[in-house]
PDB file of N, CA and C in Angstrom:
ATOM      1  N   MET A   1       4.316-232.982 -53.637  1.00  0.00           N
ATOM      2  CA  MET A   1       4.085-231.646 -53.126  1.00  0.00           C
ATOM      3  C   MET A   1       2.765-231.637 -52.364  1.00  0.00           C
ATOM      4  N   SER A   2       2.736-231.036 -51.210  1.00  0.00           N
ATOM      5  CA  SER A   2       1.540-231.056 -50.373  1.00  0.00           C
ATOM      6  C   SER A   2       0.480-230.096 -50.901  1.00  0.00           C
ATOM      7  N   ALA A   3      -0.759-230.294 -50.440  1.00  0.00           N
ATOM      8  CA  ALA A   3      -1.870-229.422 -50.831  1.00  0.00           C
ATOM      9  C   ALA A   3      -1.632-227.993 -50.390  1.00  0.00           C
ATOM     10  N   VAL A   4      -0.968-227.801 -49.265  1.00  0.00           N
ATOM     11  CA  VAL A   4      -0.694-226.452 -48.772  1.00  0.00           C
ATOM     12  C   VAL A   4       0.277-225.747 -49.707  1.00  0.00           C
ATOM     13  N   GLN A   5       1.310-226.443 -50.163  1.00  0.00           N
ATOM     14  CA  GLN A   5       2.291-225.846 -51.063  1.00  0.00           C
ATOM     15  C   GLN A   5       1.705-225.560 -52.430  1.00  0.00           C
ATOM     16  N   GLN A   6       0.814-226.400 -52.909  1.00  0.00           N
ATOM     17  CA  GLN A   6       0.235-226.243 -54.239  1.00  0.00           C
ATOM     18  C   GLN A   6      -0.751-225.083 -54.301  1.00  0.00           C
ATOM     19  N   GLY A   7      -1.466-224.838 -53.227  1.00  0.00           N
ATOM     20  CA  GLY A   7      -2.510-223.821 -53.238  1.00  0.00           C
ATOM     21  C   GLY A   7      -1.950-222.409 -53.315  1.00  0.00           C
ATOM     22  N   ASN A   8      -2.777-221.516 -53.790  1.00  0.00           N
ATOM     23  CA  ASN A   8      -2.407-220.111 -53.869  1.00  0.00           C
ATOM     24  C   ASN A   8      -2.829-219.365 -52.605  1.00  0.00           C
ATOM     25  N   GLY A   9      -3.248-220.087 -51.601  1.00  0.00           N
ATOM     26  CA  GLY A   9      -3.781-219.456 -50.407  1.00  0.00           C
ATOM     27  C   GLY A   9      -5.289-219.372 -50.536  1.00  0.00           C
ATOM     28  N   GLY A  10      -5.910-218.810 -49.526  1.00  0.00           N
ATOM     29  CA  GLY A  10      -7.352-218.626 -49.586  1.00  0.00           C
ATOM     30  C   GLY A  10      -8.168-219.760 -49.027  1.00  0.00           C
ATOM     31  N   GLU A  11      -7.539-220.854 -48.651  1.00  0.00           N
ATOM     32  CA  GLU A  11      -8.309-221.944 -48.062  1.00  0.00           C
ATOM     33  C   GLU A  11      -7.539-222.568 -46.907  1.00  0.00           C
ATOM     34  N   LEU A  12      -8.304-223.111 -45.986  1.00  0.00           N
ATOM     35  CA  LEU A  12      -7.713-223.850 -44.883  1.00  0.00           C
ATOM     36  C   LEU A  12      -7.521-225.290 -45.338  1.00  0.00           C
ATOM     37  N   VAL A  13      -6.368-225.842 -45.055  1.00  0.00           N
ATOM     38  CA  VAL A  13      -6.077-227.220 -45.423  1.00  0.00           C
ATOM     39  C   VAL A  13      -5.858-228.008 -44.140  1.00  0.00           C
ATOM     40  N   LYS A  14      -6.628-229.073 -43.984  1.00  0.00           N
ATOM     41  CA  LYS A  14      -6.488-229.911 -42.792  1.00  0.00           C
ATOM     42  C   LYS A  14      -5.222-230.734 -42.903  1.00  0.00           C
ATOM     43  N   LEU A  15      -4.370-230.632 -41.887  1.00  0.00           N
ATOM     44  CA  LEU A  15      -3.112-231.365 -41.877  1.00  0.00           C
ATOM     45  C   LEU A  15      -3.246-232.699 -41.171  1.00  0.00           C
ATOM     46  N   THR A  16      -3.837-232.679 -39.974  1.00  0.00           N
ATOM     47  CA  THR A  16      -3.972-233.896 -39.183  1.00  0.00           C
ATOM     48  C   THR A  16      -4.986-233.674 -38.072  1.00  0.00           C
ATOM     49  N   ALA A  17      -5.410-234.766 -37.484  1.00  0.00           N
ATOM     50  CA  ALA A  17      -6.292-234.713 -36.317  1.00  0.00           C
ATOM     51  C   ALA A  17      -5.855-235.801 -35.352  1.00  0.00           C
ATOM     52  N   LEU A  18      -5.674-235.418 -34.092  1.00  0.00           N
ATOM     53  CA  LEU A  18      -5.336-236.387 -33.063  1.00  0.00           C
ATOM     54  C   LEU A  18      -5.629-235.809 -31.691  1.00  0.00           C
ATOM     55  N   GLN A  19      -5.959-236.695 -30.783  1.00  0.00           N
ATOM     56  CA  GLN A  19      -6.220-236.348 -29.386  1.00  0.00           C
ATOM     57  C   GLN A  19      -7.211-235.206 -29.227  1.00  0.00           C
ATOM     58  N   GLY A  20      -8.316-235.261 -29.983  1.00  0.00           N
ATOM     59  CA  GLY A  20      -9.385-234.284 -29.827  1.00  0.00           C
ATOM     60  C   GLY A  20      -9.121-232.922 -30.445  1.00  0.00           C
ATOM     61  N   GLN A  21      -8.067-232.813 -31.240  1.00  0.00           N
ATOM     62  CA  GLN A  21      -7.718-231.547 -31.895  1.00  0.00           C
ATOM     63  C   GLN A  21      -7.395-231.819 -33.363  1.00  0.00           C
ATOM     64  N   ALA A  22      -7.628-230.837 -34.204  1.00  0.00           N
ATOM     65  CA  ALA A  22      -7.213-230.913 -35.602  1.00  0.00           C
ATOM     66  C   ALA A  22      -6.310-229.729 -35.890  1.00  0.00           C
ATOM     67  N   TRP A  23      -5.372-229.929 -36.777  1.00  0.00           N
ATOM     68  CA  TRP A  23      -4.475-228.852 -37.205  1.00  0.00           C
ATOM     69  C   TRP A  23      -4.774-228.504 -38.650  1.00  0.00           C
ATOM     70  N   TYR A  24      -4.980-227.218 -38.882  1.00  0.00           N
ATOM     71  CA  TYR A  24      -5.207-226.690 -40.224  1.00  0.00           C
ATOM     72  C   TYR A  24      -4.087-225.717 -40.553  1.00  0.00           C
ATOM     73  N   ALA A  25      -3.802-225.571 -41.843  1.00  0.00           N
ATOM     74  CA  ALA A  25      -2.808-224.601 -42.298  1.00  0.00           C
ATOM     75  C   ALA A  25      -3.470-223.654 -43.285  1.00  0.00           C
ATOM     76  N   TYR A  26      -2.989-222.433 -43.269  1.00  0.00           N
ATOM     77  CA  TYR A  26      -3.447-221.414 -44.214  1.00  0.00           C
ATOM     78  C   TYR A  26      -2.220-220.751 -44.813  1.00  0.00           C
ATOM     79  N   ARG A  27      -2.176-220.658 -46.112  1.00  0.00           N
ATOM     80  CA  ARG A  27      -1.059-219.994 -46.782  1.00  0.00           C
ATOM     81  C   ARG A  27      -1.440-218.535 -46.979  1.00  0.00           C
ATOM     82  N   GLY A  28      -0.802-217.669 -46.204  1.00  0.00           N
ATOM     83  CA  GLY A  28      -1.097-216.246 -46.242  1.00  0.00           C
ATOM     84  C   GLY A  28      -0.857-215.647 -44.866  1.00  0.00           C
ATOM     85  N   ASN A  29      -1.380-214.458 -44.648  1.00  0.00           N
ATOM     86  CA  ASN A  29      -1.161-213.813 -43.350  1.00  0.00           C
ATOM     87  C   ASN A  29      -2.274-214.153 -42.358  1.00  0.00           C
ATOM     88  N   GLN A  30      -2.063-213.776 -41.103  1.00  0.00           N
ATOM     89  CA  GLN A  30      -3.027-214.128 -40.058  1.00  0.00           C
ATOM     90  C   GLN A  30      -4.384-213.472 -40.253  1.00  0.00           C
ATOM     91  N   ALA A  31      -4.417-212.244 -40.745  1.00  0.00           N
ATOM     92  CA  ALA A  31      -5.699-211.564 -40.949  1.00  0.00           C
ATOM     93  C   ALA A  31      -6.547-212.314 -41.974  1.00  0.00           C
ATOM     94  N   GLU A  32      -5.938-212.690 -43.086  1.00  0.00           N
ATOM     95  CA  GLU A  32      -6.669-213.437 -44.115  1.00  0.00           C
ATOM     96  C   GLU A  32      -7.063-214.821 -43.614  1.00  0.00           C
ATOM     97  N   GLY A  33      -6.140-215.469 -42.902  1.00  0.00           N
ATOM     98  CA  GLY A  33      -6.416-216.800 -42.370  1.00  0.00           C
ATOM     99  C   GLY A  33      -7.554-216.793 -41.365  1.00  0.00           C
ATOM    100  N   SER A  34      -7.585-215.781 -40.510  1.00  0.00           N
ATOM    101  CA  SER A  34      -8.667-215.726 -39.519  1.00  0.00           C
ATOM    102  C   SER A  34     -10.011-215.481 -40.190  1.00  0.00           C
ATOM    103  N   ARG A  35     -10.030-214.660 -41.239  1.00  0.00           N
ATOM    104  CA  ARG A  35     -11.291-214.452 -41.981  1.00  0.00           C
ATOM    105  C   ARG A  35     -11.775-215.765 -42.593  1.00  0.00           C
ATOM    106  N   GLN A  36     -10.842-216.566 -43.119  1.00  0.00           N
ATOM    107  CA  GLN A  36     -11.224-217.851 -43.701  1.00  0.00           C
ATOM    108  C   GLN A  36     -11.707-218.828 -42.627  1.00  0.00           C
ATOM    109  N   LEU A  37     -11.041-218.854 -41.480  1.00  0.00           N
ATOM    110  CA  LEU A  37     -11.474-219.704 -40.372  1.00  0.00           C
ATOM    111  C   LEU A  37     -12.889-219.331 -39.936  1.00  0.00           C
ATOM    112  N   ILE A  38     -13.141-218.047 -39.772  1.00  0.00           N
ATOM    113  CA  ILE A  38     -14.466-217.579 -39.346  1.00  0.00           C
ATOM    114  C   ILE A  38     -15.515-217.930 -40.397  1.00  0.00           C
ATOM    115  N   ARG A  39     -15.178-217.771 -41.671  1.00  0.00           N
ATOM    116  CA  ARG A  39     -16.111-218.103 -42.760  1.00  0.00           C
ATOM    117  C   ARG A  39     -16.424-219.608 -42.750  1.00  0.00           C
ATOM    118  N   ASN A  40     -15.384-220.451 -42.646  1.00  0.00           N
ATOM    119  CA  ASN A  40     -15.600-221.902 -42.629  1.00  0.00           C
ATOM    120  C   ASN A  40     -16.436-222.330 -41.427  1.00  0.00           C
ATOM    121  N   ALA A  41     -16.148-221.760 -40.274  1.00  0.00           N
ATOM    122  CA  ALA A  41     -16.913-222.103 -39.075  1.00  0.00           C
ATOM    123  C   ALA A  41     -18.374-221.667 -39.236  1.00  0.00           C
ATOM    124  N   GLY A  42     -18.584-220.496 -39.802  1.00  0.00           N
ATOM    125  CA  GLY A  42     -19.948-220.015 -40.026  1.00  0.00           C
ATOM    126  C   GLY A  42     -20.736-220.929 -40.943  1.00  0.00           C
ATOM    127  N   GLU A  43     -20.084-221.427 -41.989  1.00  0.00           N
ATOM    128  CA  GLU A  43     -20.731-222.372 -42.906  1.00  0.00           C
ATOM    129  C   GLU A  43     -21.061-223.684 -42.204  1.00  0.00           C
ATOM    130  N   ALA A  44     -20.330-223.983 -41.133  1.00  0.00           N
ATOM    131  CA  ALA A  44     -20.544-225.210 -40.357  1.00  0.00           C
ATOM    132  C   ALA A  44     -21.462-224.973 -39.164  1.00  0.00           C
ATOM    133  N   GLN A  45     -22.165-223.830 -39.153  1.00  0.00           N
ATOM    134  CA  GLN A  45     -23.140-223.506 -38.103  1.00  0.00           C
ATOM    135  C   GLN A  45     -22.512-223.187 -36.754  1.00  0.00           C
ATOM    136  N   TRP A  46     -21.335-222.549 -36.782  1.00  0.00           N
ATOM    137  CA  TRP A  46     -20.691-222.050 -35.577  1.00  0.00           C
ATOM    138  C   TRP A  46     -20.493-220.553 -35.759  1.00  0.00           C
ATOM    139  N   SER A  47     -20.990-219.756 -34.824  1.00  0.00           N
ATOM    140  CA  SER A  47     -20.887-218.298 -34.897  1.00  0.00           C
ATOM    141  C   SER A  47     -19.624-217.814 -34.211  1.00  0.00           C
ATOM    142  N   PHE A  48     -18.940-216.884 -34.861  1.00  0.00           N
ATOM    143  CA  PHE A  48     -17.777-216.252 -34.247  1.00  0.00           C
ATOM    144  C   PHE A  48     -18.264-215.330 -33.151  1.00  0.00           C
ATOM    145  N   LYS A  49     -17.697-215.495 -31.963  1.00  0.00           N
ATOM    146  CA  LYS A  49     -18.115-214.714 -30.805  1.00  0.00           C
ATOM    147  C   LYS A  49     -17.124-213.587 -30.529  1.00  0.00           C
ATOM    148  N   GLU A  50     -15.845-213.929 -30.360  1.00  0.00           N
ATOM    149  CA  GLU A  50     -14.820-212.906 -30.120  1.00  0.00           C
ATOM    150  C   GLU A  50     -13.426-213.495 -30.275  1.00  0.00           C
ATOM    151  N   GLN A  51     -12.465-212.576 -30.387  1.00  0.00           N
ATOM    152  CA  GLN A  51     -11.062-212.968 -30.440  1.00  0.00           C
ATOM    153  C   GLN A  51     -10.378-212.499 -29.174  1.00  0.00           C
ATOM    154  N   LEU A  52      -9.617-213.397 -28.572  1.00  0.00           N
ATOM    155  CA  LEU A  52      -8.817-213.078 -27.394  1.00  0.00           C
ATOM    156  C   LEU A  52      -7.382-213.472 -27.705  1.00  0.00           C
ATOM    157  N   GLY A  53      -6.569-212.511 -28.079  1.00  0.00           N
ATOM    158  CA  GLY A  53      -5.194-212.801 -28.470  1.00  0.00           C
ATOM    159  C   GLY A  53      -5.182-213.683 -29.692  1.00  0.00           C
ATOM    160  N   ALA A  54      -4.546-214.843 -29.583  1.00  0.00           N
ATOM    161  CA  ALA A  54      -4.467-215.777 -30.700  1.00  0.00           C
ATOM    162  C   ALA A  54      -5.645-216.748 -30.731  1.00  0.00           C
ATOM    163  N   GLY A  55      -6.577-216.609 -29.783  1.00  0.00           N
ATOM    164  CA  GLY A  55      -7.721-217.505 -29.701  1.00  0.00           C
ATOM    165  C   GLY A  55      -8.965-216.917 -30.333  1.00  0.00           C
ATOM    166  N   TYR A  56      -9.705-217.759 -31.045  1.00  0.00           N
ATOM    167  CA  TYR A  56     -10.956-217.370 -31.690  1.00  0.00           C
ATOM    168  C   TYR A  56     -12.069-218.199 -31.053  1.00  0.00           C
ATOM    169  N   ILE A  57     -13.019-217.524 -30.440  1.00  0.00           N
ATOM    170  CA  ILE A  57     -14.085-218.213 -29.716  1.00  0.00           C
ATOM    171  C   ILE A  57     -15.323-218.299 -30.607  1.00  0.00           C
ATOM    172  N   PHE A  58     -15.831-219.514 -30.730  1.00  0.00           N
ATOM    173  CA  PHE A  58     -17.021-219.777 -31.536  1.00  0.00           C
ATOM    174  C   PHE A  58     -18.104-220.381 -30.657  1.00  0.00           C
ATOM    175  N   GLU A  59     -19.354-220.160 -31.047  1.00  0.00           N
ATOM    176  CA  GLU A  59     -20.495-220.711 -30.322  1.00  0.00           C
ATOM    177  C   GLU A  59     -21.371-221.472 -31.313  1.00  0.00           C
ATOM    178  N   ALA A  60     -21.784-222.680 -30.923  1.00  0.00           N
ATOM    179  CA  ALA A  60     -22.634-223.495 -31.789  1.00  0.00           C
ATOM    180  C   ALA A  60     -23.974-222.801 -31.985  1.00  0.00           C
ATOM    181  N   GLU A  61     -24.489-222.861 -33.196  1.00  0.00           N
ATOM    182  CA  GLU A  61     -25.758-222.219 -33.515  1.00  0.00           C
ATOM    183  C   GLU A  61     -26.950-223.133 -33.276  1.00  0.00           C
ATOM    184  N   ASP A  62     -26.730-224.287 -32.647  1.00  0.00           N
ATOM    185  CA  ASP A  62     -27.813-225.246 -32.442  1.00  0.00           C
ATOM    186  C   ASP A  62     -28.557-225.045 -31.123  1.00  0.00           C
ATOM    187  N   GLY A  63     -28.255-223.960 -30.423  1.00  0.00           N
ATOM    188  CA  GLY A  63     -28.931-223.677 -29.165  1.00  0.00           C
ATOM    189  C   GLY A  63     -28.352-224.401 -27.968  1.00  0.00           C
ATOM    190  N   SER A  64     -27.293-225.154 -28.156  1.00  0.00           N
ATOM    191  CA  SER A  64     -26.716-225.948 -27.072  1.00  0.00           C
ATOM    192  C   SER A  64     -25.775-225.138 -26.178  1.00  0.00           C
ATOM    193  N   GLU A  65     -25.446-223.925 -26.574  1.00  0.00           N
ATOM    194  CA  GLU A  65     -24.521-223.054 -25.848  1.00  0.00           C
ATOM    195  C   GLU A  65     -23.107-223.630 -25.766  1.00  0.00           C
ATOM    196  N   ARG A  66     -22.779-224.587 -26.652  1.00  0.00           N
ATOM    197  CA  ARG A  66     -21.420-225.115 -26.708  1.00  0.00           C
ATOM    198  C   ARG A  66     -20.496-224.049 -27.281  1.00  0.00           C
ATOM    199  N   GLU A  67     -19.294-223.991 -26.745  1.00  0.00           N
ATOM    200  CA  GLU A  67     -18.280-223.087 -27.261  1.00  0.00           C
ATOM    201  C   GLU A  67     -17.043-223.884 -27.663  1.00  0.00           C
ATOM    202  N   ALA A  68     -16.310-223.335 -28.611  1.00  0.00           N
ATOM    203  CA  ALA A  68     -15.055-223.933 -29.059  1.00  0.00           C
ATOM    204  C   ALA A  68     -14.056-222.808 -29.268  1.00  0.00           C
ATOM    205  N   VAL A  69     -12.808-223.067 -28.904  1.00  0.00           N
ATOM    206  CA  VAL A  69     -11.750-222.066 -29.071  1.00  0.00           C
ATOM    207  C   VAL A  69     -10.699-222.621 -30.023  1.00  0.00           C
ATOM    208  N   ALA A  70     -10.526-221.946 -31.149  1.00  0.00           N
ATOM    209  CA  ALA A  70      -9.467-222.278 -32.098  1.00  0.00           C
ATOM    210  C   ALA A  70      -8.305-221.324 -31.833  1.00  0.00           C
ATOM    211  N   VAL A  71      -7.094-221.838 -31.912  1.00  0.00           N
ATOM    212  CA  VAL A  71      -5.907-221.036 -31.604  1.00  0.00           C
ATOM    213  C   VAL A  71      -5.017-220.960 -32.835  1.00  0.00           C
ATOM    214  N   SER A  72      -4.559-219.747 -33.140  1.00  0.00           N
ATOM    215  CA  SER A  72      -3.689-219.555 -34.300  1.00  0.00           C
ATOM    216  C   SER A  72      -2.237-219.429 -33.881  1.00  0.00           C
ATOM    217  N   GLN A  73      -1.362-219.777 -34.815  1.00  0.00           N
ATOM    218  CA  GLN A  73       0.074-219.671 -34.588  1.00  0.00           C
ATOM    219  C   GLN A  73       0.731-219.385 -35.933  1.00  0.00           C
ATOM    220  N   MET A  74       1.446-218.285 -36.028  1.00  0.00           N
ATOM    221  CA  MET A  74       2.178-217.978 -37.252  1.00  0.00           C
ATOM    222  C   MET A  74       3.351-218.943 -37.314  1.00  0.00           C
ATOM    223  N   TRP A  75       3.383-219.776 -38.336  1.00  0.00           N
ATOM    224  CA  TRP A  75       4.403-220.822 -38.420  1.00  0.00           C
ATOM    225  C   TRP A  75       5.640-220.299 -39.125  1.00  0.00           C
ATOM    226  N   THR A  76       5.444-219.708 -40.266  1.00  0.00           N
ATOM    227  CA  THR A  76       6.511-219.016 -40.983  1.00  0.00           C
ATOM    228  C   THR A  76       5.906-217.716 -41.492  1.00  0.00           C
ATOM    229  N   ARG A  77       6.663-216.977 -42.231  1.00  0.00           N
ATOM    230  CA  ARG A  77       6.146-215.729 -42.781  1.00  0.00           C
ATOM    231  C   ARG A  77       4.968-215.979 -43.723  1.00  0.00           C
ATOM    232  N   SER A  78       4.896-217.173 -44.292  1.00  0.00           N
ATOM    233  CA  SER A  78       3.887-217.468 -45.309  1.00  0.00           C
ATOM    234  C   SER A  78       2.753-218.376 -44.859  1.00  0.00           C
ATOM    235  N   TYR A  79       2.855-218.965 -43.664  1.00  0.00           N
ATOM    236  CA  TYR A  79       1.852-219.943 -43.234  1.00  0.00           C
ATOM    237  C   TYR A  79       1.379-219.674 -41.813  1.00  0.00           C
ATOM    238  N   VAL A  80       0.083-219.892 -41.612  1.00  0.00           N
ATOM    239  CA  VAL A  80      -0.522-219.802 -40.284  1.00  0.00           C
ATOM    240  C   VAL A  80      -1.105-221.171 -39.966  1.00  0.00           C
ATOM    241  N   LEU A  81      -0.864-221.660 -38.749  1.00  0.00           N
ATOM    242  CA  LEU A  81      -1.446-222.914 -38.289  1.00  0.00           C
ATOM    243  C   LEU A  81      -2.587-222.613 -37.332  1.00  0.00           C
ATOM    244  N   TYR A  82      -3.627-223.437 -37.396  1.00  0.00           N
ATOM    245  CA  TYR A  82      -4.770-223.305 -36.502  1.00  0.00           C
ATOM    246  C   TYR A  82      -5.012-224.634 -35.815  1.00  0.00           C
ATOM    247  N   LYS A  83      -5.097-224.600 -34.493  1.00  0.00           N
ATOM    248  CA  LYS A  83      -5.463-225.782 -33.708  1.00  0.00           C
ATOM    249  C   LYS A  83      -6.945-225.641 -33.398  1.00  0.00           C
ATOM    250  N   VAL A  84      -7.728-226.600 -33.870  1.00  0.00           N
ATOM    251  CA  VAL A  84      -9.185-226.528 -33.801  1.00  0.00           C
ATOM    252  C   VAL A  84      -9.706-227.707 -32.978  1.00  0.00           C
ATOM    253  N   PRO A  85     -10.561-227.458 -31.974  1.00  0.00           N
ATOM    254  CA  PRO A  85     -11.104-228.570 -31.183  1.00  0.00           C
ATOM    255  C   PRO A  85     -12.005-229.479 -32.027  1.00  0.00           C
ATOM    256  N   ALA A  86     -12.133-230.728 -31.586  1.00  0.00           N
ATOM    257  CA  ALA A  86     -12.848-231.754 -32.344  1.00  0.00           C
ATOM    258  C   ALA A  86     -14.272-231.348 -32.715  1.00  0.00           C
ATOM    259  N   ALA A  87     -15.007-230.737 -31.815  1.00  0.00           N
ATOM    260  CA  ALA A  87     -16.406-230.379 -32.103  1.00  0.00           C
ATOM    261  C   ALA A  87     -16.497-229.436 -33.299  1.00  0.00           C
ATOM    262  N   LEU A  88     -15.630-228.461 -33.367  1.00  0.00           N
ATOM    263  CA  LEU A  88     -15.624-227.529 -34.491  1.00  0.00           C
ATOM    264  C   LEU A  88     -15.055-228.191 -35.742  1.00  0.00           C
ATOM    265  N   ASP A  89     -14.023-229.001 -35.594  1.00  0.00           N
ATOM    266  CA  ASP A  89     -13.425-229.711 -36.721  1.00  0.00           C
ATOM    267  C   ASP A  89     -14.433-230.619 -37.391  1.00  0.00           C
ATOM    268  N   GLU A  90     -15.186-231.376 -36.604  1.00  0.00           N
ATOM    269  CA  GLU A  90     -16.170-232.303 -37.164  1.00  0.00           C
ATOM    270  C   GLU A  90     -17.224-231.559 -37.974  1.00  0.00           C
ATOM    271  N   ALA A  91     -17.612-230.386 -37.518  1.00  0.00           N
ATOM    272  CA  ALA A  91     -18.601-229.594 -38.244  1.00  0.00           C
ATOM    273  C   ALA A  91     -18.005-229.014 -39.535  1.00  0.00           C
ATOM    274  N   MET A  92     -16.717-228.661 -39.497  1.00  0.00           N
ATOM    275  CA  MET A  92     -16.075-228.071 -40.669  1.00  0.00           C
ATOM    276  C   MET A  92     -15.670-229.110 -41.702  1.00  0.00           C
ATOM    277  N   ASP A  93     -15.555-230.367 -41.292  1.00  0.00           N
ATOM    278  CA  ASP A  93     -15.079-231.430 -42.171  1.00  0.00           C
ATOM    279  C   ASP A  93     -16.082-231.763 -43.254  1.00  0.00           C
TER     280      ASP A  93
END
C-alpha cells in the first residue's frame, strides 16, 4: 500500500521527480492541499505570491528574485496532484 493511501491526508507525498519537475500528491480537497503546499514552501523559504487559476506562484526569500510556479490538478475526488519545479522541490525535500 502506498504512502498516499495509508495517510489520513494533511501532508504532501512526493511521488516522483523527473525532467526538472516533481509530482506530489495530497489526499483531500484542493483548498486543503493548497494550504499544505503553501505551508511546506514557506518552511522551505519560499513565499507564496499569488494564485492564478491552478497555478501557485512562489518567490524565493533569499533575495534572488527567483520565482517558481507549482500547478495543481484534481486527480480524483479524493486526491490532488501538484507539479512542482525543481528549485522549489529541492528546497521542500
